[in-house]
Amino acid sequence: MSLIMSLMLFFGNMKPAEALPSLIQKGKASFYSKKFNGRKTAYGERVSSESLEGAHLHLPLNTLVEVTNLDNQRSVIVRINDRGPFAKGRVIDITLAAAHALGMVSKGIANVSLRVVGKGQAIAMSPSAFTTPIAFQPMLEPVM
């Protein structure tokens, strides 16, 4: 389905924002290694292992995505603020905090589904609203 949506966006006059709600993609997720902590993202922010953020190749920056681990049905919402992943076969890179929430740290890679849930607030020169530790973020019910 994501291939069809991509073709519609590429050849049609549909704006990406119109295609966002409930867009679903499945694939493999990985998480940022510690060496990326503090480096700048494509959005100009600093990577923080404690934030709930991620990298996607095609979704607009500042998009909110529900990531569900298909092995244990744990979910977390991350904000896309970077481009990637650049490893073959991966659909998203997430921060360490998001990986902990999904229960995938020990394996390093997980089979996930992505569902766009909205657009985040515009970020100016203020701290990110998504730096809340994962212990304070309620777990979501998986979407089937």
C-alpha atoms as a PDB file:
ATOM      1  CA  MET A   1       0.000   0.000   0.000  1.00  0.00           C
ATOM      2  CA  SER A   2       2.827   2.431   0.732  1.00  0.00           C
ATOM      3  CA  LEU A   3       4.122   1.936  -2.828  1.00  0.00           C
ATOM      4  CA  ILE A   4       0.741   2.936  -4.230  1.00  0.00           C
ATOM      5  CA  MET A   5       0.621   5.955  -1.935  1.00  0.00           C
ATOM      6  CA  SER A   6       4.141   6.965  -2.970  1.00  0.00           C
ATOM      7  CA  LEU A   7       3.215   6.742  -6.651  1.00  0.00           C
ATOM      8  CA  MET A   8       0.085   8.791  -6.074  1.00  0.00           C
ATOM      9  CA  LEU A   9       2.111  11.478  -4.325  1.00  0.00           C
ATOM     10  CA  PHE A  10       4.818  11.476  -6.986  1.00  0.00           C
ATOM     11  CA  PHE A  11       2.615  11.549 -10.072  1.00  0.00           C
ATOM     12  CA  GLY A  12      -0.503  13.183  -8.671  1.00  0.00           C
ATOM     13  CA  ASN A  13      -1.254  16.624  -7.388  1.00  0.00           C
ATOM     14  CA  MET A  14      -1.986  15.360  -3.861  1.00  0.00           C
ATOM     15  CA  LYS A  15      -0.018  17.170  -1.182  1.00  0.00           C
ATOM     16  CA  PRO A  16       1.873  14.999   1.345  1.00  0.00           C
ATOM     17  CA  ALA A  17      -0.139  16.480   4.216  1.00  0.00           C
ATOM     18  CA  GLU A  18      -3.358  15.173   2.619  1.00  0.00           C
ATOM     19  CA  ALA A  19      -2.002  11.620   2.584  1.00  0.00           C
ATOM     20  CA  LEU A  20      -0.728  11.589   6.138  1.00  0.00           C
ATOM     21  CA  PRO A  21      -3.635  10.528   8.376  1.00  0.00           C
ATOM     22  CA  SER A  22      -3.576   6.768   8.965  1.00  0.00           C
ATOM     23  CA  LEU A  23      -0.733   6.116   6.496  1.00  0.00           C
ATOM     24  CA  ILE A  24       0.678   2.710   7.488  1.00  0.00           C
ATOM     25  CA  GLN A  25       4.049   1.170   6.674  1.00  0.00           C
ATOM     26  CA  LYS A  26       5.665  -2.051   7.885  1.00  0.00           C
ATOM     27  CA  GLY A  27       9.333  -2.955   8.064  1.00  0.00           C
ATOM     28  CA  LYS A  28      12.332  -3.093  10.354  1.00  0.00           C
ATOM     29  CA  ALA A  29      13.297  -0.477  12.925  1.00  0.00           C
ATOM     30  CA  SER A  30      16.657   0.181  14.499  1.00  0.00           C
ATOM     31  CA  PHE A  31      17.816   2.756  17.023  1.00  0.00           C
ATOM     32  CA  TYR A  32      20.526   5.406  17.120  1.00  0.00           C
ATOM     33  CA  SER A  33      23.812   4.315  18.642  1.00  0.00           C
ATOM     34  CA  LYS A  34      25.302   6.355  21.481  1.00  0.00           C
ATOM     35  CA  LYS A  35      27.741   8.070  19.110  1.00  0.00           C
ATOM     36  CA  PHE A  36      24.846  10.057  17.577  1.00  0.00           C
ATOM     37  CA  ASN A  37      23.831  11.578  20.924  1.00  0.00           C
ATOM     38  CA  GLY A  38      24.301  15.352  20.674  1.00  0.00           C
ATOM     39  CA  ARG A  39      24.750  15.441  16.890  1.00  0.00           C
ATOM     40  CA  LYS A  40      22.476  17.616  14.781  1.00  0.00           C
ATOM     41  CA  THR A  41      19.548  16.118  12.906  1.00  0.00           C
ATOM     42  CA  ALA A  42      18.272  17.164   9.477  1.00  0.00           C
ATOM     43  CA  TYR A  43      15.859  19.437  11.328  1.00  0.00           C
ATOM     44  CA  GLY A  44      18.736  21.189  13.110  1.00  0.00           C
ATOM     45  CA  GLU A  45      17.952  19.773  16.542  1.00  0.00           C
ATOM     46  CA  ARG A  46      20.355  17.808  18.714  1.00  0.00           C
ATOM     47  CA  VAL A  47      19.794  14.060  19.052  1.00  0.00           C
ATOM     48  CA  SER A  48      18.915  13.146  22.617  1.00  0.00           C
ATOM     49  CA  SER A  49      18.699   9.512  23.662  1.00  0.00           C
ATOM     50  CA  GLU A  50      16.012  10.499  26.197  1.00  0.00           C
ATOM     51  CA  SER A  51      13.611  11.998  23.645  1.00  0.00           C
ATOM     52  CA  LEU A  52      10.957  10.182  21.627  1.00  0.00           C
ATOM     53  CA  GLU A  53      12.098  11.012  18.107  1.00  0.00           C
ATOM     54  CA  GLY A  54      13.023   9.220  14.925  1.00  0.00           C
ATOM     55  CA  ALA A  55      14.301   9.340  11.374  1.00  0.00           C
ATOM     56  CA  HIS A  56      12.306   8.477   8.249  1.00  0.00           C
ATOM     57  CA  LEU A  57      13.324   8.864   4.618  1.00  0.00           C
ATOM     58  CA  HIS A  58      10.105  10.301   3.201  1.00  0.00           C
ATOM     59  CA  LEU A  59       7.672  11.490   5.873  1.00  0.00           C
ATOM     60  CA  PRO A  60       7.610  15.257   6.395  1.00  0.00           C
ATOM     61  CA  LEU A  61       9.675  16.512   9.308  1.00  0.00           C
ATOM     62  CA  ASN A  62       7.690  17.069  12.509  1.00  0.00           C
ATOM     63  CA  THR A  63       5.237  14.232  11.702  1.00  0.00           C
ATOM     64  CA  LEU A  64       3.968  12.195  14.657  1.00  0.00           C
ATOM     65  CA  VAL A  65       4.188   8.445  14.056  1.00  0.00           C
ATOM     66  CA  GLU A  66       2.930   5.588  16.197  1.00  0.00           C
ATOM     67  CA  VAL A  67       5.533   2.820  16.059  1.00  0.00           C
ATOM     68  CA  THR A  68       4.304  -0.635  17.102  1.00  0.00           C
ATOM     69  CA  ASN A  69       6.641  -3.556  17.755  1.00  0.00           C
ATOM     70  CA  LEU A  70       4.905  -6.452  15.989  1.00  0.00           C
ATOM     71  CA  ASP A  71       6.600  -9.053  18.199  1.00  0.00           C
ATOM     72  CA  ASN A  72       5.253  -7.792  21.540  1.00  0.00           C
ATOM     73  CA  GLN A  73       2.555  -5.252  20.472  1.00  0.00           C
ATOM     74  CA  ARG A  74       4.167  -2.398  22.458  1.00  0.00           C
ATOM     75  CA  SER A  75       3.705   1.062  20.925  1.00  0.00           C
ATOM     76  CA  VAL A  76       5.164   4.518  21.256  1.00  0.00           C
ATOM     77  CA  ILE A  77       4.618   7.817  19.445  1.00  0.00           C
ATOM     78  CA  VAL A  78       7.735   9.444  18.011  1.00  0.00           C
ATOM     79  CA  ARG A  79       8.241  12.719  16.193  1.00  0.00           C
ATOM     80  CA  ILE A  80      10.128  12.585  12.901  1.00  0.00           C
ATOM     81  CA  ASN A  81      12.965  15.104  13.067  1.00  0.00           C
ATOM     82  CA  ASP A  82      15.665  13.467  10.946  1.00  0.00           C
ATOM     83  CA  ARG A  83      16.263  11.731   7.628  1.00  0.00           C
ATOM     84  CA  GLY A  84      17.192   8.076   7.446  1.00  0.00           C
ATOM     85  CA  PRO A  85      17.630   5.214   8.033  1.00  0.00           C
ATOM     86  CA  PHE A  86      20.217   4.546   5.399  1.00  0.00           C
ATOM     87  CA  ALA A  87      20.664   0.830   6.167  1.00  0.00           C
ATOM     88  CA  LYS A  88      19.030  -1.440   3.620  1.00  0.00           C
ATOM     89  CA  GLY A  89      15.644  -2.820   4.637  1.00  0.00           C
ATOM     90  CA  ARG A  90      14.974  -0.383   7.504  1.00  0.00           C
ATOM     91  CA  VAL A  91      11.964   1.944   7.593  1.00  0.00           C
ATOM     92  CA  ILE A  92      12.733   3.985  10.723  1.00  0.00           C
ATOM     93  CA  ASP A  93      15.530   4.804  13.151  1.00  0.00           C
ATOM     94  CA  ILE A  94      14.431   5.768  16.650  1.00  0.00           C
ATOM     95  CA  THR A  95      16.085   7.080  19.792  1.00  0.00           C
ATOM     96  CA  LEU A  96      17.139   4.863  22.686  1.00  0.00           C
ATOM     97  CA  ALA A  97      14.171   5.995  24.801  1.00  0.00           C
ATOM     98  CA  ALA A  98      11.732   4.935  22.076  1.00  0.00           C
ATOM     99  CA  ALA A  99      13.590   1.620  21.665  1.00  0.00           C
ATOM    100  CA  HIS A 100      13.217   0.984  25.415  1.00  0.00           C
ATOM    101  CA  ALA A 101       9.487   1.734  25.180  1.00  0.00           C
ATOM    102  CA  LEU A 102       9.172  -0.814  22.377  1.00  0.00           C
ATOM    103  CA  GLY A 103      11.236  -3.442  24.207  1.00  0.00           C
ATOM    104  CA  MET A 104      13.726  -3.827  21.356  1.00  0.00           C
ATOM    105  CA  VAL A 105      17.021  -2.742  22.915  1.00  0.00           C
ATOM    106  CA  SER A 106      18.372  -6.245  23.475  1.00  0.00           C
ATOM    107  CA  LYS A 107      17.712  -7.328  19.872  1.00  0.00           C
ATOM    108  CA  GLY A 108      18.696  -4.032  18.231  1.00  0.00           C
ATOM    109  CA  ILE A 109      16.233  -4.466  15.359  1.00  0.00           C
ATOM    110  CA  ALA A 110      12.485  -5.084  15.468  1.00  0.00           C
ATOM    111  CA  ASN A 111       9.672  -5.716  13.022  1.00  0.00           C
ATOM    112  CA  VAL A 112       7.389  -2.706  13.329  1.00  0.00           C
ATOM    113  CA  SER A 113       4.402  -1.014  11.812  1.00  0.00           C
ATOM    114  CA  LEU A 114       4.258   2.750  11.437  1.00  0.00           C
ATOM    115  CA  ARG A 115       1.027   4.710  11.538  1.00  0.00           C
ATOM    116  CA  VAL A 116       0.935   8.454  11.041  1.00  0.00           C
ATOM    117  CA  VAL A 117      -1.126   9.996  13.824  1.00  0.00           C
ATOM    118  CA  GLY A 118      -0.665  13.684  13.091  1.00  0.00           C
ATOM    119  CA  LYS A 119       1.571  16.660  12.804  1.00  0.00           C
ATOM    120  CA  GLY A 120       3.619  17.907  15.739  1.00  0.00           C
ATOM    121  CA  GLN A 121       3.700  21.500  16.889  1.00  0.00           C
ATOM    122  CA  ALA A 122       6.097  23.796  15.101  1.00  0.00           C
ATOM    123  CA  ILE A 123       9.432  23.947  16.875  1.00  0.00           C
ATOM    124  CA  ALA A 124      11.177  27.296  16.995  1.00  0.00           C
ATOM    125  CA  MET A 125      14.060  27.950  19.381  1.00  0.00           C
ATOM    126  CA  SER A 126      12.325  26.263  22.300  1.00  0.00           C
ATOM    127  CA  PRO A 127      12.955  22.872  23.905  1.00  0.00           C
ATOM    128  CA  SER A 128      11.148  19.961  22.325  1.00  0.00           C
ATOM    129  CA  ALA A 129       7.824  18.958  23.825  1.00  0.00           C
ATOM    130  CA  PHE A 130       8.851  15.352  23.227  1.00  0.00           C
ATOM    131  CA  THR A 131      11.742  15.143  25.696  1.00  0.00           C
ATOM    132  CA  THR A 132       9.501  13.686  28.405  1.00  0.00           C
ATOM    133  CA  PRO A 133      11.009  10.446  29.741  1.00  0.00           C
ATOM    134  CA  ILE A 134       9.239   7.346  28.492  1.00  0.00           C
ATOM    135  CA  ALA A 135       8.131   6.431  32.008  1.00  0.00           C
ATOM    136  CA  PHE A 136       5.692   9.363  31.858  1.00  0.00           C
ATOM    137  CA  GLN A 137       4.294   8.563  28.438  1.00  0.00           C
ATOM    138  CA  PRO A 138       1.273   6.259  28.568  1.00  0.00           C
ATOM    139  CA  MET A 139       1.553   3.148  26.440  1.00  0.00           C
ATOM    140  CA  LEU A 140      -0.886   3.037  23.552  1.00  0.00           C
ATOM    141  CA  GLU A 141      -3.168   0.214  22.602  1.00  0.00           C
ATOM    142  CA  PRO A 142      -1.936  -1.459  19.413  1.00  0.00           C
ATOM    143  CA  VAL A 143      -3.903  -0.678  16.274  1.00  0.00           C
ATOM    144  CA  MET A 144      -4.999  -3.703  14.318  1.00  0.00           C
END
